[in-house]
Protein backbone atom coordinates (compact mmCIF):
# COMPACT_ATOMS: atom_id res chain seq x y z
CA UNK A 1 -90.44 5.82 59.02
CA UNK A 2 -87.52 7.99 59.79
CA UNK A 3 -87.04 9.68 56.67
CA UNK A 4 -82.79 10.26 55.58
CA UNK A 5 -83.59 12.37 52.75
CA UNK A 6 -86.66 15.11 51.53
CA UNK A 7 -84.80 16.51 48.50
CA UNK A 8 -80.91 16.27 50.33
CA UNK A 9 -79.41 14.23 47.56
CA UNK A 10 -76.19 14.94 49.36
CA UNK A 11 -75.88 13.76 52.68
CA UNK A 12 -73.59 14.91 55.51
CA UNK A 13 -72.69 13.45 58.43
CA UNK A 14 -74.21 16.86 60.37
CA UNK A 15 -77.05 16.39 57.95
CA UNK A 16 -78.00 12.95 58.34
CA UNK A 17 -77.59 13.18 62.33
CA UNK A 18 -79.78 16.74 62.47
CA UNK A 19 -82.06 14.83 60.67
CA UNK A 20 -82.19 11.75 62.69
CA UNK A 21 -82.77 13.62 65.93
CA UNK A 22 -85.41 16.40 64.81
CA UNK A 23 -86.96 15.53 61.56
CA UNK A 24 -89.19 12.71 60.93
CA UNK A 25 -90.87 11.69 57.67
CA UNK A 26 -95.20 11.42 58.23
CA UNK A 27 -97.29 8.36 58.44
CA UNK A 28 -98.56 8.38 55.07
CA UNK A 29 -100.39 5.21 55.52
CA UNK A 30 -103.31 6.73 57.10
CA UNK A 31 -106.66 7.74 55.29
CA UNK A 32 -105.67 10.80 53.77
CA UNK A 33 -109.30 12.37 54.37
CA UNK A 34 -108.67 11.43 58.43
CA UNK A 35 -105.26 13.19 57.98
CA UNK A 36 -107.00 16.63 56.96
CA UNK A 37 -109.79 16.05 59.33
CA UNK A 38 -112.27 15.49 56.66
CA UNK A 39 -111.88 18.31 54.62
CA UNK A 40 -109.39 19.86 51.96
CA UNK A 41 -106.86 21.98 52.11
CA UNK A 42 -108.43 24.89 54.01
CA UNK A 43 -105.30 27.31 53.95
CA UNK A 44 -105.18 30.65 51.86
CA UNK A 45 -101.50 30.06 51.52
CA UNK A 46 -100.55 26.07 50.15
CA UNK A 47 -97.93 24.38 51.55
CA UNK A 48 -94.51 24.35 49.41
CA UNK A 49 -91.33 22.77 49.48
CA UNK A 50 -88.84 25.99 48.47
CA UNK A 51 -85.41 26.53 48.40
CA UNK A 52 -84.10 28.11 51.49
CA UNK A 53 -80.52 29.85 52.51
CA UNK A 54 -79.06 30.03 55.71
CA UNK A 55 -77.12 28.94 58.68
CA UNK A 56 -79.91 26.36 59.62
CA UNK A 57 -79.62 22.26 60.44
CA UNK A 58 -82.48 20.22 58.84
CA UNK A 59 -85.50 19.88 61.56
CA UNK A 60 -85.18 23.98 62.66
CA UNK A 61 -88.19 26.08 61.94
CA UNK A 62 -87.40 29.52 60.60
CA UNK A 63 -90.37 31.70 61.16
CA UNK A 64 -91.25 35.34 59.24
CA UNK A 65 -93.13 37.39 61.05
CA UNK A 66 -92.99 39.96 58.12
CA UNK A 67 -93.22 37.21 55.58
CA UNK A 68 -95.76 35.69 57.79
CA UNK A 69 -94.57 31.94 56.71
CA UNK A 70 -92.92 29.05 58.83
CA UNK A 71 -90.00 27.49 57.39
CA UNK A 72 -89.01 23.71 58.70
CA UNK A 73 -85.43 23.35 57.26
CA UNK A 74 -85.59 19.63 55.59
CA UNK A 75 -82.38 19.50 53.78
CA UNK A 76 -79.08 22.28 53.15
CA UNK A 77 -80.70 24.88 50.83
CA UNK A 78 -84.44 23.27 51.69
CA UNK A 79 -87.57 23.83 53.42
CA UNK A 80 -91.31 23.72 53.96
CA UNK A 81 -93.02 26.52 53.58
CA UNK A 82 -96.23 26.92 55.70
CA UNK A 83 -98.64 30.11 55.67
CA UNK A 84 -98.63 31.28 59.36
CA UNK A 85 -100.90 33.87 61.49
CA UNK A 86 -98.78 35.76 63.44
CA UNK A 87 -99.19 38.33 66.11
CA UNK A 88 -100.23 41.95 65.89
CA UNK A 89 -99.03 45.21 66.17
CA UNK A 90 -97.95 45.01 69.71
CA UNK A 91 -97.51 41.22 70.19
CA UNK A 92 -94.51 40.17 67.73
CA UNK A 93 -91.32 39.03 69.10
CA UNK A 94 -88.01 37.54 67.82
CA UNK A 95 -85.41 35.28 69.48
CA UNK A 96 -84.53 31.82 69.40
CA UNK A 97 -86.87 28.91 71.38
CA UNK A 98 -86.60 25.09 71.35
CA UNK A 99 -89.82 23.10 71.00
CA UNK A 100 -90.35 21.93 74.74
CA UNK A 101 -93.91 19.59 73.87
CA UNK A 102 -96.17 19.35 71.58
CA UNK A 103 -100.27 18.21 72.37
CA UNK A 104 -103.28 16.67 69.99
CA UNK A 105 -106.49 18.52 70.59
CA UNK A 106 -104.80 20.71 73.38
CA UNK A 107 -106.43 22.15 76.38
CA UNK A 108 -106.53 25.98 76.67
CA UNK A 109 -106.14 28.23 79.20
CA UNK A 110 -106.07 31.97 78.31
CA UNK A 111 -102.93 33.48 80.23
CA UNK A 112 -103.75 36.13 82.52
CA UNK A 113 -102.64 38.80 80.50
CA UNK A 114 -104.94 37.96 77.86
CA UNK A 115 -107.90 37.54 80.36
CA UNK A 116 -107.30 40.82 81.68
CA UNK A 117 -107.29 42.47 77.80
CA UNK A 118 -110.60 39.79 76.94
CA UNK A 119 -112.42 39.27 80.26
CA UNK A 120 -115.05 37.60 78.09
CA UNK A 121 -112.50 34.54 77.31
CA UNK A 122 -113.74 30.89 79.13
CA UNK A 123 -111.08 30.74 81.54
CA UNK A 124 -110.48 27.12 80.64
CA UNK A 125 -111.56 25.49 77.30
CA UNK A 126 -110.72 21.36 76.90
CA UNK A 127 -109.73 20.35 73.36
CA UNK A 128 -111.99 19.98 70.44
CA UNK A 129 -112.90 21.46 66.91
CA UNK A 130 -113.72 24.79 69.08
CA UNK A 131 -110.81 25.19 71.12
CA UNK A 132 -108.94 28.57 69.48
CA UNK A 133 -105.20 26.18 69.70
CA UNK A 134 -107.28 23.68 66.98
CA UNK A 135 -105.86 19.99 66.51
CA UNK A 136 -102.37 20.31 67.58
CA UNK A 137 -99.88 22.57 69.45
CA UNK A 138 -96.22 22.58 69.43
CA UNK A 139 -95.06 24.42 72.52
CA UNK A 140 -92.29 26.78 72.18
CA UNK A 141 -89.67 26.83 75.38
CA UNK A 142 -91.08 28.01 78.60
CA UNK A 143 -92.63 30.68 76.91
CA UNK A 144 -96.32 31.71 76.38
CA UNK A 145 -96.22 31.06 72.98
CA UNK A 146 -96.98 28.13 71.00
CA UNK A 147 -96.89 27.06 67.00
CA UNK A 148 -100.89 25.88 66.99
CA UNK A 149 -103.88 25.26 64.75
CA UNK A 150 -106.83 27.30 64.23
CA UNK A 151 -110.56 26.64 63.51
CA UNK A 152 -110.59 30.24 61.55
CA UNK A 153 -108.17 29.96 57.83
CA UNK A 154 -109.10 33.02 56.75
CA UNK A 155 -106.51 34.42 59.42
CA UNK A 156 -103.53 32.65 58.23
CA UNK A 157 -101.55 35.57 56.34
CA UNK A 158 -102.88 38.20 58.77
CA UNK A 159 -101.53 39.50 61.92
CA UNK A 160 -104.46 38.58 64.70
CA UNK A 161 -102.79 36.71 67.64
CA UNK A 162 -101.44 37.59 70.76
CA UNK A 163 -98.15 36.60 69.61
CA UNK A 164 -98.44 32.51 68.89
CA UNK A 165 -98.47 31.22 65.53
CA UNK A 166 -101.49 30.11 63.80
CA UNK A 167 -101.60 27.70 61.24
CA UNK A 168 -104.67 25.70 59.63
CA UNK A 169 -105.51 22.57 61.42
CA UNK A 170 -104.11 20.60 58.46
CA UNK A 171 -100.96 22.17 57.74
CA UNK A 172 -100.44 22.09 61.99
CA UNK A 173 -100.75 18.24 61.79
CA UNK A 174 -98.14 17.78 59.17
CA UNK A 175 -95.52 20.16 60.84
CA UNK A 176 -96.64 18.32 64.23
CA UNK A 177 -95.38 15.15 62.35
CA UNK A 178 -92.51 16.40 61.25
CA UNK A 179 -90.96 18.23 63.92
CA UNK A 180 -89.41 16.92 67.49
CA UNK A 181 -88.99 17.67 70.86
CA UNK A 182 -85.89 19.89 71.31
CA UNK A 183 -85.97 21.32 67.82
CA UNK A 184 -84.54 24.57 67.57
CA UNK A 185 -87.09 27.31 66.51
CA UNK A 186 -85.91 30.87 65.85
CA UNK A 187 -88.22 33.25 65.23
CA UNK A 188 -87.40 36.51 62.95
CA UNK A 189 -89.14 39.83 62.80
């Protein structure tokens, strides 16, 4: 079901168009335990609806690397805030990308740069609970970076990755259901 509002009591033409293209309320008819993969909330940083200022349109993802938060703009002045794990020192980056692809239980093939650093890693892993990409992956343009789930919820709020943004499987499934291909992603240091 498409949502024209999530706290947006004053809808402008721009707001409505952006939401119709990039913001979708997740399907609430699914079994809640199924949505959570059989677990309770696993994030050490709870997902919250927050006031959020800036020139961003609804449907935009804004990532604060320093704050270790991902914001999905839901309406002018409002966003959903998620806790994330970010790149460790030397692996952070900033810039603007677009969501180019989304996958459920994605396969993982470590890039050659990562294999040079970590020759012990498998060359390929099929999707599943043991896969480091977790339950969902949201691909950022043609880069090697993704917003993805994790089977290590204790890493949320930490700087541990090689530049990707980690979320709990519960949170990445929620974000995956809300964001569209083509959505703008702004990564701030």
